[in-house]
Protein backbone atom coordinates (compact mmCIF):
# COMPACT_ATOMS: atom_id res chain seq x y z
CA MET A 1 -16.81 -11.62 17.32
CA LYS A 2 -17.59 -7.94 16.93
CA LYS A 3 -16.69 -6.68 13.46
CA SER A 4 -14.95 -3.50 14.61
CA PHE A 5 -15.05 -0.97 17.41
CA GLU A 6 -14.38 2.74 17.69
CA ILE A 7 -11.24 3.92 19.44
CA GLU A 8 -12.22 6.95 21.50
CA SER A 9 -8.87 7.85 23.03
CA ASP A 10 -5.25 6.76 23.20
CA CYS A 11 -2.20 7.55 25.31
CA LEU A 12 -0.53 9.63 22.55
CA ASP A 13 -3.67 11.68 21.79
CA ILE A 14 -3.53 10.59 18.14
CA ILE A 15 -7.34 10.30 18.06
CA LYS A 16 -7.66 13.82 19.45
CA ARG A 17 -5.21 15.16 16.87
CA ILE A 18 -7.02 13.37 14.02
CA LYS A 19 -10.36 14.83 15.18
CA ALA A 20 -8.69 18.27 15.19
CA ILE A 21 -8.13 17.85 11.44
CA ASP A 22 -11.83 17.11 10.90
CA LYS A 23 -14.43 16.76 13.67
CA ASP A 24 -16.22 14.02 11.67
CA TYR A 25 -13.19 11.71 11.57
CA PHE A 26 -13.18 8.65 13.80
CA VAL A 27 -10.89 5.63 14.09
CA VAL A 28 -11.99 2.02 14.46
CA PHE A 29 -10.02 -1.13 15.09
CA ASN A 30 -10.92 -4.07 12.89
CA PRO A 31 -10.04 -7.24 14.88
CA LYS A 32 -10.48 -9.50 11.87
CA LYS A 33 -7.85 -7.59 9.87
CA GLN A 34 -5.89 -6.48 12.98
CA LYS A 35 -5.78 -2.97 11.50
CA PHE A 36 -6.93 0.54 12.38
CA GLU A 37 -9.25 2.30 9.94
CA LEU A 38 -10.09 5.96 9.44
CA HIS A 39 -13.76 6.84 8.90
CA ASN A 40 -15.69 10.07 8.39
CA ARG A 41 -19.22 10.50 9.77
CA ALA A 42 -20.02 13.18 7.17
CA GLN A 43 -19.64 10.73 4.29
CA ARG A 44 -22.41 8.37 3.17
CA TYR A 45 -19.98 5.46 3.33
CA SER A 46 -17.79 6.42 6.24
CA TYR A 47 -14.67 4.39 5.34
CA CYS A 48 -11.68 6.53 4.31
CA LEU A 49 -8.58 4.34 4.62
CA THR A 50 -6.86 1.54 6.49
CA PHE A 51 -3.72 2.61 8.30
CA PRO A 52 -0.77 0.43 7.20
CA PHE A 53 0.66 0.49 10.71
CA SER A 54 0.17 -1.95 13.58
CA GLN A 55 -0.29 0.87 16.10
CA LEU A 56 -1.66 4.39 16.21
CA ASP A 57 1.16 6.90 16.26
CA GLU A 58 2.43 10.04 14.52
CA ARG A 59 2.44 8.22 11.15
CA ALA A 60 -1.34 7.73 11.33
CA TYR A 61 -1.82 11.43 12.03
CA LEU A 62 0.50 12.44 9.16
CA LEU A 63 -1.18 10.02 6.74
CA THR A 64 -4.56 11.48 7.69
CA LEU A 65 -3.25 14.97 6.91
CA LYS A 66 -1.70 13.85 3.64
CA THR A 67 -4.74 12.00 2.30
CA ARG A 68 -7.55 14.41 3.18
CA VAL A 69 -9.67 15.68 0.29
CA GLN A 70 -8.25 19.18 0.49
CA ASN A 71 -4.81 17.75 -0.38
CA SER A 72 -6.01 15.51 -3.23
CA ASP A 73 -4.51 17.61 -6.05
CA LYS A 74 -1.12 17.61 -4.36
CA LEU A 75 -1.39 13.87 -3.65
CA PHE A 76 -2.30 13.08 -7.28
CA GLU A 77 0.64 15.18 -8.52
CA GLU A 78 2.97 13.31 -6.17
CA MET A 79 1.60 9.97 -7.42
CA GLU A 80 2.05 11.05 -11.06
CA ARG A 81 5.67 12.06 -10.41
CA GLU A 82 6.39 8.78 -8.64
CA ASN A 83 4.72 6.76 -11.44
CA ALA A 84 6.73 8.64 -14.09
CA LYS A 85 9.94 7.95 -12.17
CA LEU A 86 9.08 4.23 -11.90
CA GLU A 87 8.20 4.07 -15.60
CA LYS A 88 11.55 5.63 -16.59
CA LYS A 89 13.37 3.18 -14.31
CA LYS A 90 11.51 0.20 -15.82
CA ILE A 91 12.20 1.37 -19.38
CA LYS A 92 15.90 1.74 -18.54
CA GLU A 93 15.96 -1.77 -17.04
CA VAL A 94 14.30 -3.25 -20.14
CA LEU A 95 16.69 -1.42 -22.48
CA ASP A 96 19.73 -2.44 -20.42
CA ASP A 97 18.52 -6.06 -20.43
CA PHE A 98 17.93 -5.92 -24.19
CA LYS A 99 21.42 -4.45 -24.80
CA GLU A 100 23.00 -7.11 -22.62
CA LYS A 101 21.23 -9.92 -24.48
CA LEU A 102 21.97 -8.33 -27.86
CA TYR A 103 25.70 -8.04 -27.17
CA ASP A 104 25.94 -11.50 -25.58
CA SER A 105 24.68 -13.21 -28.74
């Protein structure tokens, strides 16, 4: 079985739109994983990401835009904000659980 193969076109022109972002981008389908992957010919190791979707659509295009190197600072800031929010939520849950156990005894 072939490891993966390049997708050169699609009915929604997602490939064309992704290549408009960066001419070196290309998309392959990995039959073993049943997933689409984004690659970049300009990179030594071409792999960029695996799309978490079962089909190529607008979400793949938007994820490509969001994760490109030029947006990395913004993406890292977004991840930091989300991590801080999750940490506050977890601390609150632990404190609430502790209070509940303290008052139940």
